[in-house]
Amino acid sequence: MPVAMARHILVKTKSEAEKLKQQLAKGADFGTLAKKHSTCASAKAGGNLGEFRPGQMVKAFDQVVFKKPILTVHGPIKTQFGFHLIETIYRD
C-alpha cells in the first residue's frame, strides 16, 4: 500500500485560500504561511501532516495526495473542514 507525506494550509474560505496560494506563487514560505493562517493543529509544524496511507484522510484530500503531481501546491480543495492548499512532499 502506498504511503505519502504531505503538508497543508486549512482556512475557512475559498477566497482566503486563493490569496494564500497567490502568495506562495510569489515565493512565500509554505511553512510560515501555515503557521500564521492554518486552522489545523498541524499549523504548529508548518502544516506538516507526516506520513499516511490512502483512506486515512478524507476522499478529496486523498485524491490530491495520491493522484496529483508532487511538490506542487494544489487547491483550494473543499472538505467538511474548510478549504485546503495541499502539497505532497513525496509518495511511494
N, C-alpha and C. Protein backbone atom coordinates (compact mmCIF):
# COMPACT_ATOMS: atom_id res chain seq x y z
N MET A 1 0.85 -1.20 0.00
CA MET A 1 0.00 0.00 0.00
C MET A 1 0.89 1.25 0.00
N PRO A 2 0.55 2.21 -0.85
CA PRO A 2 1.41 3.41 -0.92
C PRO A 2 1.37 4.22 0.37
N VAL A 3 2.41 4.99 0.58
CA VAL A 3 2.48 5.92 1.70
C VAL A 3 2.89 7.27 1.13
N ALA A 4 2.39 8.33 1.74
CA ALA A 4 2.73 9.67 1.27
C ALA A 4 2.99 10.57 2.46
N MET A 5 3.67 11.66 2.20
CA MET A 5 3.86 12.71 3.20
C MET A 5 3.41 14.00 2.55
N ALA A 6 2.58 14.74 3.27
CA ALA A 6 2.06 16.00 2.71
C ALA A 6 1.97 17.06 3.79
N ARG A 7 1.83 18.28 3.34
CA ARG A 7 1.56 19.39 4.25
C ARG A 7 0.42 20.19 3.65
N HIS A 8 -0.28 20.91 4.52
CA HIS A 8 -1.43 21.68 4.02
C HIS A 8 -1.64 22.93 4.85
N ILE A 9 -2.42 23.81 4.27
CA ILE A 9 -2.90 25.01 4.96
C ILE A 9 -4.42 24.92 4.89
N LEU A 10 -5.06 24.95 6.04
CA LEU A 10 -6.52 24.86 6.11
C LEU A 10 -7.09 26.20 6.56
N VAL A 11 -8.00 26.74 5.75
CA VAL A 11 -8.65 28.01 6.08
C VAL A 11 -10.16 27.89 5.88
N LYS A 12 -10.89 28.88 6.35
CA LYS A 12 -12.35 28.82 6.33
C LYS A 12 -12.97 29.13 4.97
N THR A 13 -12.32 30.02 4.19
CA THR A 13 -12.96 30.46 2.96
C THR A 13 -12.09 30.19 1.73
N LYS A 14 -12.76 30.03 0.61
CA LYS A 14 -12.07 29.80 -0.66
C LYS A 14 -11.22 31.02 -1.01
N SER A 15 -11.75 32.22 -0.76
CA SER A 15 -11.00 33.44 -1.13
C SER A 15 -9.72 33.56 -0.31
N GLU A 16 -9.78 33.17 0.97
CA GLU A 16 -8.57 33.19 1.80
C GLU A 16 -7.53 32.21 1.25
N ALA A 17 -7.99 31.02 0.87
CA ALA A 17 -7.08 30.02 0.30
C ALA A 17 -6.46 30.54 -1.00
N GLU A 18 -7.26 31.20 -1.82
CA GLU A 18 -6.75 31.72 -3.10
C GLU A 18 -5.70 32.81 -2.87
N LYS A 19 -5.93 33.67 -1.87
CA LYS A 19 -4.96 34.72 -1.55
C LYS A 19 -3.63 34.10 -1.10
N LEU A 20 -3.72 33.07 -0.26
CA LEU A 20 -2.51 32.40 0.22
C LEU A 20 -1.79 31.71 -0.94
N LYS A 21 -2.55 31.12 -1.85
CA LYS A 21 -1.94 30.44 -3.00
C LYS A 21 -1.18 31.45 -3.86
N GLN A 22 -1.72 32.65 -4.01
CA GLN A 22 -1.04 33.70 -4.77
C GLN A 22 0.28 34.09 -4.08
N GLN A 23 0.24 34.17 -2.74
CA GLN A 23 1.47 34.49 -2.00
C GLN A 23 2.52 33.40 -2.21
N LEU A 24 2.08 32.13 -2.18
CA LEU A 24 3.01 31.02 -2.42
C LEU A 24 3.61 31.10 -3.81
N ALA A 25 2.78 31.46 -4.80
CA ALA A 25 3.25 31.56 -6.18
C ALA A 25 4.32 32.65 -6.33
N LYS A 26 4.25 33.64 -5.44
CA LYS A 26 5.24 34.73 -5.47
C LYS A 26 6.46 34.41 -4.61
N GLY A 27 6.52 33.20 -4.06
CA GLY A 27 7.71 32.79 -3.32
C GLY A 27 7.59 32.77 -1.81
N ALA A 28 6.38 33.01 -1.27
CA ALA A 28 6.20 32.96 0.18
C ALA A 28 6.49 31.54 0.68
N ASP A 29 6.94 31.43 1.92
CA ASP A 29 7.27 30.13 2.50
C ASP A 29 6.02 29.41 3.00
N PHE A 30 5.83 28.19 2.52
CA PHE A 30 4.64 27.40 2.86
C PHE A 30 4.50 27.24 4.38
N GLY A 31 5.57 26.81 5.03
CA GLY A 31 5.53 26.57 6.47
C GLY A 31 5.17 27.81 7.27
N THR A 32 5.73 28.95 6.86
CA THR A 32 5.44 30.21 7.55
C THR A 32 3.96 30.58 7.41
N LEU A 33 3.44 30.45 6.19
CA LEU A 33 2.02 30.76 5.97
C LEU A 33 1.13 29.80 6.74
N ALA A 34 1.50 28.52 6.78
CA ALA A 34 0.71 27.54 7.52
C ALA A 34 0.67 27.91 9.01
N LYS A 35 1.81 28.26 9.57
CA LYS A 35 1.87 28.62 11.00
C LYS A 35 0.98 29.82 11.30
N LYS A 36 0.96 30.79 10.37
CA LYS A 36 0.20 32.03 10.57
C LYS A 36 -1.29 31.87 10.33
N HIS A 37 -1.67 31.09 9.31
CA HIS A 37 -3.05 31.12 8.83
C HIS A 37 -3.85 29.83 9.00
N SER A 38 -3.18 28.68 9.06
CA SER A 38 -3.92 27.41 9.07
C SER A 38 -4.69 27.22 10.37
N THR A 39 -5.92 26.71 10.26
CA THR A 39 -6.74 26.45 11.44
C THR A 39 -6.57 25.00 11.92
N CYS A 40 -5.73 24.22 11.24
CA CYS A 40 -5.49 22.83 11.63
C CYS A 40 -4.41 22.78 12.72
N ALA A 41 -4.48 21.76 13.57
CA ALA A 41 -3.47 21.57 14.61
C ALA A 41 -2.07 21.40 14.00
N SER A 42 -2.01 20.96 12.73
CA SER A 42 -0.72 20.79 12.06
C SER A 42 -0.02 22.13 11.79
N ALA A 43 -0.71 23.23 12.00
CA ALA A 43 -0.12 24.56 11.75
C ALA A 43 1.19 24.73 12.52
N LYS A 44 1.23 24.23 13.76
CA LYS A 44 2.43 24.34 14.59
C LYS A 44 3.65 23.74 13.91
N ALA A 45 3.42 22.70 13.10
CA ALA A 45 4.50 22.01 12.39
C ALA A 45 4.62 22.52 10.96
N GLY A 46 4.15 23.73 10.69
CA GLY A 46 4.24 24.28 9.34
C GLY A 46 3.30 23.59 8.37
N GLY A 47 2.24 22.98 8.91
CA GLY A 47 1.26 22.30 8.06
C GLY A 47 1.59 20.84 7.78
N ASN A 48 2.72 20.38 8.31
CA ASN A 48 3.17 19.01 8.03
C ASN A 48 2.26 17.98 8.68
N LEU A 49 1.74 17.06 7.88
CA LEU A 49 0.83 16.02 8.36
C LEU A 49 1.54 14.69 8.58
N GLY A 50 2.83 14.63 8.28
CA GLY A 50 3.56 13.38 8.43
C GLY A 50 3.15 12.38 7.36
N GLU A 51 3.47 11.11 7.60
CA GLU A 51 3.15 10.06 6.63
C GLU A 51 1.77 9.48 6.88
N PHE A 52 1.10 9.14 5.79
CA PHE A 52 -0.20 8.47 5.91
C PHE A 52 -0.46 7.66 4.65
N ARG A 53 -1.44 6.80 4.73
CA ARG A 53 -1.80 5.90 3.63
C ARG A 53 -3.17 6.27 3.07
N PRO A 54 -3.50 5.78 1.87
CA PRO A 54 -4.83 6.06 1.31
C PRO A 54 -5.92 5.63 2.30
N GLY A 55 -6.95 6.47 2.41
CA GLY A 55 -8.07 6.15 3.29
C GLY A 55 -7.95 6.74 4.68
N GLN A 56 -6.78 7.27 5.03
CA GLN A 56 -6.62 7.87 6.36
C GLN A 56 -7.10 9.32 6.38
N MET A 57 -7.17 9.95 5.21
CA MET A 57 -7.66 11.32 5.10
C MET A 57 -8.99 11.28 4.34
N VAL A 58 -9.72 12.39 4.36
CA VAL A 58 -10.98 12.43 3.62
C VAL A 58 -10.69 12.26 2.13
N LYS A 59 -11.69 11.78 1.39
CA LYS A 59 -11.51 11.39 -0.01
C LYS A 59 -10.93 12.51 -0.89
N ALA A 60 -11.45 13.72 -0.76
CA ALA A 60 -10.98 14.83 -1.60
C ALA A 60 -9.49 15.09 -1.36
N PHE A 61 -9.06 14.91 -0.13
CA PHE A 61 -7.66 15.11 0.24
C PHE A 61 -6.81 14.01 -0.38
N ASP A 62 -7.25 12.77 -0.21
CA ASP A 62 -6.55 11.61 -0.79
C ASP A 62 -6.38 11.75 -2.30
N GLN A 63 -7.43 12.24 -2.99
CA GLN A 63 -7.39 12.38 -4.44
C GLN A 63 -6.19 13.24 -4.86
N VAL A 64 -5.94 14.29 -4.11
CA VAL A 64 -4.83 15.19 -4.42
C VAL A 64 -3.50 14.52 -4.09
N VAL A 65 -3.40 14.01 -2.87
CA VAL A 65 -2.12 13.49 -2.39
C VAL A 65 -1.64 12.27 -3.18
N PHE A 66 -2.56 11.40 -3.55
CA PHE A 66 -2.16 10.16 -4.21
C PHE A 66 -2.28 10.17 -5.74
N LYS A 67 -2.84 11.26 -6.32
CA LYS A 67 -3.02 11.27 -7.77
C LYS A 67 -2.38 12.47 -8.49
N LYS A 68 -2.22 13.58 -7.80
CA LYS A 68 -1.71 14.80 -8.46
C LYS A 68 -0.18 14.89 -8.32
N PRO A 69 0.44 15.74 -9.16
CA PRO A 69 1.90 15.87 -9.10
C PRO A 69 2.40 16.29 -7.71
N ILE A 70 3.57 15.73 -7.33
CA ILE A 70 4.16 16.08 -6.04
C ILE A 70 4.89 17.42 -6.14
N LEU A 71 5.18 18.01 -4.97
CA LEU A 71 5.92 19.27 -4.86
C LEU A 71 5.26 20.40 -5.64
N THR A 72 3.94 20.35 -5.72
CA THR A 72 3.13 21.38 -6.36
C THR A 72 2.00 21.70 -5.39
N VAL A 73 1.67 22.98 -5.22
CA VAL A 73 0.58 23.34 -4.32
C VAL A 73 -0.74 23.23 -5.08
N HIS A 74 -1.64 22.39 -4.59
CA HIS A 74 -2.95 22.17 -5.21
C HIS A 74 -4.03 22.79 -4.32
N GLY A 75 -5.07 23.26 -4.97
CA GLY A 75 -6.18 23.81 -4.20
C GLY A 75 -6.60 25.16 -4.74
N PRO A 76 -7.59 25.75 -4.10
CA PRO A 76 -8.27 25.28 -2.88
C PRO A 76 -9.08 23.99 -3.11
N ILE A 77 -8.95 23.08 -2.16
CA ILE A 77 -9.70 21.82 -2.15
C ILE A 77 -10.70 21.91 -0.99
N LYS A 78 -11.99 21.76 -1.30
CA LYS A 78 -13.02 21.89 -0.26
C LYS A 78 -13.29 20.54 0.40
N THR A 79 -13.30 20.55 1.73
CA THR A 79 -13.74 19.38 2.51
C THR A 79 -14.69 19.90 3.59
N GLN A 80 -15.17 18.98 4.43
CA GLN A 80 -16.06 19.43 5.51
C GLN A 80 -15.33 20.30 6.54
N PHE A 81 -13.99 20.32 6.47
CA PHE A 81 -13.20 21.10 7.43
C PHE A 81 -12.95 22.53 6.97
N GLY A 82 -13.10 22.77 5.67
CA GLY A 82 -12.81 24.09 5.11
C GLY A 82 -12.13 23.94 3.77
N PHE A 83 -11.22 24.86 3.46
CA PHE A 83 -10.51 24.86 2.18
C PHE A 83 -9.03 24.63 2.41
N HIS A 84 -8.48 23.68 1.68
CA HIS A 84 -7.08 23.29 1.86
C HIS A 84 -6.23 23.71 0.67
N LEU A 85 -5.00 24.08 0.96
CA LEU A 85 -3.94 24.12 -0.04
C LEU A 85 -3.04 22.95 0.36
N ILE A 86 -2.80 22.05 -0.57
CA ILE A 86 -2.11 20.81 -0.26
C ILE A 86 -0.86 20.66 -1.11
N GLU A 87 0.23 20.29 -0.46
CA GLU A 87 1.48 19.99 -1.18
C GLU A 87 1.95 18.61 -0.73
N THR A 88 2.05 17.70 -1.67
CA THR A 88 2.57 16.37 -1.39
C THR A 88 4.09 16.45 -1.49
N ILE A 89 4.77 16.06 -0.40
CA ILE A 89 6.23 16.11 -0.36
C ILE A 89 6.81 14.89 -1.09
N TYR A 90 6.27 13.73 -0.79
CA TYR A 90 6.66 12.52 -1.51
C TYR A 90 5.58 11.47 -1.36
N ARG A 91 5.64 10.47 -2.23
CA ARG A 91 4.79 9.29 -2.07
C ARG A 91 5.49 8.13 -2.77
N ASP A 92 5.21 6.93 -2.29
CA ASP A 92 5.82 5.77 -2.96
C ASP A 92 4.75 4.82 -3.45
